[in-house]
């Protein structure tokens, strides 16, 4: 790997930062989160009466986003590796990464608009 190729460094911050943020949001909104059985968290929210339905829905959405991120991490990392092995130039690769981040930003803006309407 040449010293000017930073594409492998996009895997961790790009996905793990997103995953951490959604999980911190979801686990911080309720007292029923148990780190010993995190997969049961959404089921335990159904029985919790102190949180209204809108917050429960947002927590479920954040947990689903985290799960989707973990599922797509392998595809993203393998695409980075395949691109490097194919010898694609860094500028072309970074343009593709820019498109991915632009989609994240557009989705965040759309979610902000939708969540503002819910409040």
Protein backbone atom coordinates (compact mmCIF):
# COMPACT_ATOMS: atom_id res chain seq x y z
CA UNK A 1 0.00 0.00 0.00
CA UNK A 2 1.38 3.36 -0.93
CA UNK A 3 1.70 6.09 1.68
CA UNK A 4 -0.88 8.29 -0.07
CA UNK A 5 -3.68 5.69 -0.10
CA UNK A 6 -5.97 6.28 2.88
CA UNK A 7 -8.96 4.25 1.70
CA UNK A 8 -8.57 1.50 4.30
CA UNK A 9 -8.85 4.12 7.02
CA UNK A 10 -12.43 4.90 5.95
CA UNK A 11 -13.79 1.56 7.18
CA UNK A 12 -13.62 2.18 10.94
CA UNK A 13 -14.70 5.82 11.25
CA UNK A 14 -17.33 5.59 8.54
CA UNK A 15 -19.25 2.72 10.04
CA UNK A 16 -18.28 2.42 13.67
CA UNK A 17 -18.93 6.09 14.37
CA UNK A 18 -22.42 5.79 12.92
CA UNK A 19 -23.10 2.57 14.82
CA UNK A 20 -21.91 3.95 18.13
CA UNK A 21 -24.04 7.07 17.83
CA UNK A 22 -27.27 5.18 17.18
CA UNK A 23 -26.62 2.71 20.00
CA UNK A 24 -25.75 5.44 22.52
CA UNK A 25 -28.96 7.25 21.61
CA UNK A 26 -31.09 4.13 21.96
CA UNK A 27 -29.58 2.81 25.18
CA UNK A 28 -29.58 6.24 26.81
CA UNK A 29 -33.31 6.83 26.35
CA UNK A 30 -34.44 3.99 28.62
CA UNK A 31 -33.51 2.46 31.94
CA UNK A 32 -34.43 -1.03 30.74
CA UNK A 33 -31.28 -1.54 28.64
CA UNK A 34 -29.36 -4.55 29.95
CA UNK A 35 -25.84 -4.98 28.57
CA UNK A 36 -25.97 -8.70 29.42
CA UNK A 37 -28.79 -9.29 26.91
CA UNK A 38 -28.83 -6.42 24.40
CA UNK A 39 -30.91 -8.36 21.86
CA UNK A 40 -33.83 -8.39 24.26
CA UNK A 41 -33.83 -4.59 24.57
CA UNK A 42 -36.59 -3.88 22.06
CA UNK A 43 -38.81 -6.56 23.60
CA UNK A 44 -38.27 -5.08 27.07
CA UNK A 45 -39.39 -1.66 25.80
CA UNK A 46 -42.85 -3.00 25.04
CA UNK A 47 -43.47 -3.55 28.77
CA UNK A 48 -42.01 -0.23 29.90
CA UNK A 49 -44.78 2.24 30.74
CA UNK A 50 -42.63 5.33 31.49
CA UNK A 51 -41.77 5.98 27.81
CA UNK A 52 -44.32 7.15 25.27
CA UNK A 53 -44.85 5.38 21.95
CA UNK A 54 -43.02 8.00 19.86
CA UNK A 55 -39.80 7.60 21.86
CA UNK A 56 -40.15 3.81 21.73
CA UNK A 57 -40.47 4.00 17.94
CA UNK A 58 -37.36 6.20 17.68
CA UNK A 59 -35.41 3.81 19.92
CA UNK A 60 -36.49 0.86 17.75
CA UNK A 61 -35.43 2.80 14.64
CA UNK A 62 -32.01 3.60 16.13
CA UNK A 63 -31.46 -0.03 17.10
CA UNK A 64 -32.51 -1.14 13.60
CA UNK A 65 -30.06 1.37 12.09
CA UNK A 66 -27.29 -0.07 14.23
CA UNK A 67 -28.16 -3.62 13.16
CA UNK A 68 -28.25 -2.60 9.49
CA UNK A 69 -24.89 -0.91 9.88
CA UNK A 70 -23.32 -4.05 11.31
CA UNK A 71 -24.80 -6.11 8.49
CA UNK A 72 -23.43 -3.78 5.81
CA UNK A 73 -19.97 -3.39 7.39
CA UNK A 74 -18.66 -6.58 5.78
CA UNK A 75 -19.86 -5.48 2.32
CA UNK A 76 -18.28 -2.05 2.75
CA UNK A 77 -14.95 -3.46 3.96
CA UNK A 78 -14.84 -6.04 1.16
CA UNK A 79 -15.61 -3.32 -1.41
CA UNK A 80 -12.70 -1.26 -0.08
CA UNK A 81 -10.39 -4.26 -0.28
CA UNK A 82 -11.58 -5.25 -3.77
CA UNK A 83 -11.07 -1.71 -4.98
CA UNK A 84 -7.51 -1.69 -3.67
CA UNK A 85 -6.73 -5.07 -5.23
CA UNK A 86 -8.21 -3.99 -8.57
CA UNK A 87 -5.87 -1.00 -8.64
CA UNK A 88 -8.58 1.65 -8.88
CA UNK A 89 -7.14 5.09 -8.41
CA UNK A 90 -7.68 6.74 -5.04
CA UNK A 91 -9.50 9.77 -6.50
CA UNK A 92 -12.14 7.53 -8.09
CA UNK A 93 -12.52 5.57 -4.86
CA UNK A 94 -12.83 8.69 -2.73
CA UNK A 95 -15.49 10.02 -5.10
CA UNK A 96 -17.48 6.85 -4.42
CA UNK A 97 -17.00 7.29 -0.69
CA UNK A 98 -18.19 10.87 -1.06
CA UNK A 99 -21.38 9.59 -2.66
CA UNK A 100 -21.93 7.21 0.27
CA UNK A 101 -21.52 10.02 2.80
CA UNK A 102 -23.80 12.27 0.71
CA UNK A 103 -26.49 9.59 0.95
CA UNK A 104 -26.03 9.43 4.74
CA UNK A 105 -26.40 13.21 4.94
CA UNK A 106 -29.50 13.21 2.74
CA UNK A 107 -31.04 10.43 4.84
CA UNK A 108 -30.24 12.35 8.02
CA UNK A 109 -31.85 15.50 6.65
CA UNK A 110 -34.95 13.56 5.61
CA UNK A 111 -35.11 11.94 9.05
CA UNK A 112 -34.77 15.33 10.73
CA UNK A 113 -37.71 16.64 8.70
CA UNK A 114 -39.83 13.60 9.51
CA UNK A 115 -38.94 13.64 13.22
CA UNK A 116 -39.73 17.38 13.41
CA UNK A 117 -43.21 16.58 12.13
CA UNK A 118 -43.63 13.89 14.80
CA UNK A 119 -42.90 16.30 17.61
